[in-house]
Amino acid sequence: MKASEVLKRYQDGKRDFRGEDLRGQNFKGKDLSRADFSKADIRGANFNKANLTGAKFIKARAGLPKQWVMILLFVCFLLSGIAGFVALIVATYTAILFDSRNPYSTITGSILLGIVVGFGFLAIRRGINAIAVARVVAVGGAFAGVFAVVRGTFVFAGVGAVAFSVAVAVAVAVAFAVAVAFAVAVGGAFALAVAVAFVVAVAFAFAGSVAVAFVVAVAFAFAFLIFSAFLGWRAIRGDKRDAWIRSSAVAFAATGGTSFRYAILTDTDFTQATLKNTDFRNANLTHTCFKDTQKLDLAHPGNTYLKNPQVRELVITGKGANQNFDRQDLQGVYLKGANLVGASFIEANLVEACLQKAKLANSKLVHTLLDQADFTSATLTGAYVEGWNITPDTKLDGVRCEYVFMRLPSEKRPAFIALPPEESRDHNERRKPDNWNQSFKDGDFADFIAPMCQTLDLYHNQPIDPRLVALAFQQLTKGSPQAGIELVSIEKKGNNKDKLLIRAETAPKADHSALSASYFNHLQTLQALPAEALQALLADRAATIQLLVGLLAGKHR
């Protein structure tokens, strides 16, 4: 079906496009919200900047159309062939350097071979990166330099040849590793086998055409390319040591594939869809469902949360029990029904996250950002909620919770939120309810915890006359009747209990910043009054502030 026909039907009110063949169609910037593309073939389709809010792509097939697969594989094989050709030249040159009739050639050949082998060792241990290359070249260069000084100018040419050969060998290793990763990302294991076979054929063909290509040269070139193929395969499997190879290969393989770049995918459902070679760069993935998707690891994630392999696996499987997600950016992630028992989200960003029916028992939500997070019907029994950042927009409807802990003990705290020495000896977890024989009943937890995120907090960091506090608070409530201010609690703070925190409930849409500024303006004005004027004002308002002063002083009268 052509894009024009899809758009016409959509304008006519149709939303059902299940099973349609939409390969290569262009929907850039179009509004297709709530459309159903389940089981559709969307390979090569362009959804850049499209509004796909609430759309369904259940069991849809995304990725590269066949013509693009052939083009990209040809590029991979071409790159592989060039790498094989150059590798054989370097190997042949190495064989020549082992000419037993010239001791200097033998030494320079040994240096070259040693550097290449050393590079291979470091590459396997630490991956192909600038540090590994620099170390091998530095060591090899030092040996070559010493040899040059000892033997004089006669061997400078040999040293230069070694340096040049090392540079070419490293370039070949990188090129072939990347080519293999490209081939796997585009065509899978079969493409890898074809690429290696192609390189071997090129190597042997070239070996048969020149007289100097010894058996050792062919063997060296073949071994070197197999080594590079291993690195490419390891990279595409997700090894962190070769992450840059993998990211480059995935980005390259997504060329010509299905693109959702800059698309709005809020509440979009990709359940069981095949998403290989799909571009999600800069897409809005708020509440996007990736449950049981196939080959999402070969999609181009850009800077979305899909770039993290651990998070990618979590959104696919919903299995995150006892895993560490500390300080990770999971904004808008869809984890409905996920098993997150014992998981750690310390200082993580879960703003707008969908955690409906999620199992979060014993989890660590310490200092976690939770504005607009949806915990509807989630289980939070035993969770650590110290300093969690819930707001009036955090949904806690139907949360199942028997008890929580308001403080993470020192032995469970990571170094970045370690307690001061004097507090680290306190192992009290601050269980709520305080009585270990009591538990929250249905609905109690939301009632207990919700006011903590809806209160106006007026903190006084210096000792202050409670009469002035009472008068300033009265002026605030009278001056802002629309805010619905109602006193909730008064707490003494600080080591000497000489600081004060007043908590008050307000209307849901009240501007707490403006109310706080207004209150402290009233307080400063009162403190600036001459003593006689202040006494007269207190006397005039004595009856109205007496009760509040008693509460502030800890003497209810």
Foldseek 3Di string as FASTA:
>chain_A
DAPVVVVVVVVVPDQEPEQAEQELHEQALEENALHEHDQYEHWLYEDENYAHANYEHEQYEWAHDPVVLVVLLVVLLVLLQVLLVLLLVLLLQLVVLCPVVDVLSVVLSVLLVQLLVQLLVCCVVQNDDPVSNVVSLVVSLVVLVVVCVVVDPVCPVSSVVSSVSSVSLSVSLLSLLLSLLLQCLSPNPVSNVVSLVSSLVSSVVVLVVDDSRDPSSSVSSNVSSVSSNVSSVVCCVPDPSHVVSNLVSLQSRLVSIYEHAQYEQHSYEHHQYEQRSYECHNYRCQQYQQAQHHPLSSHNNHPALCVDVVVVVCSHHLEQDLAEPEQAEQDRAENALHEHDNYEHAQYEDDSYEHDQYEHELYEQACYAYELYEDHLYEHEAYACANHQYALNYHDHFYHYFKYFRADAQVPDDPVPHDPPVCNVDRRRRMPVPDPVGTDDTPRVCVVPVLVRQKQKAKFPAADQLLLLLVLVVVLCVVCVQFVWAWDAKAQDDPVSRIIITIIGTPRPDDSVVSNVSSVVSSVVLVPDPPVVNVVVCVVCVVVRVQVSCRNVVHGD
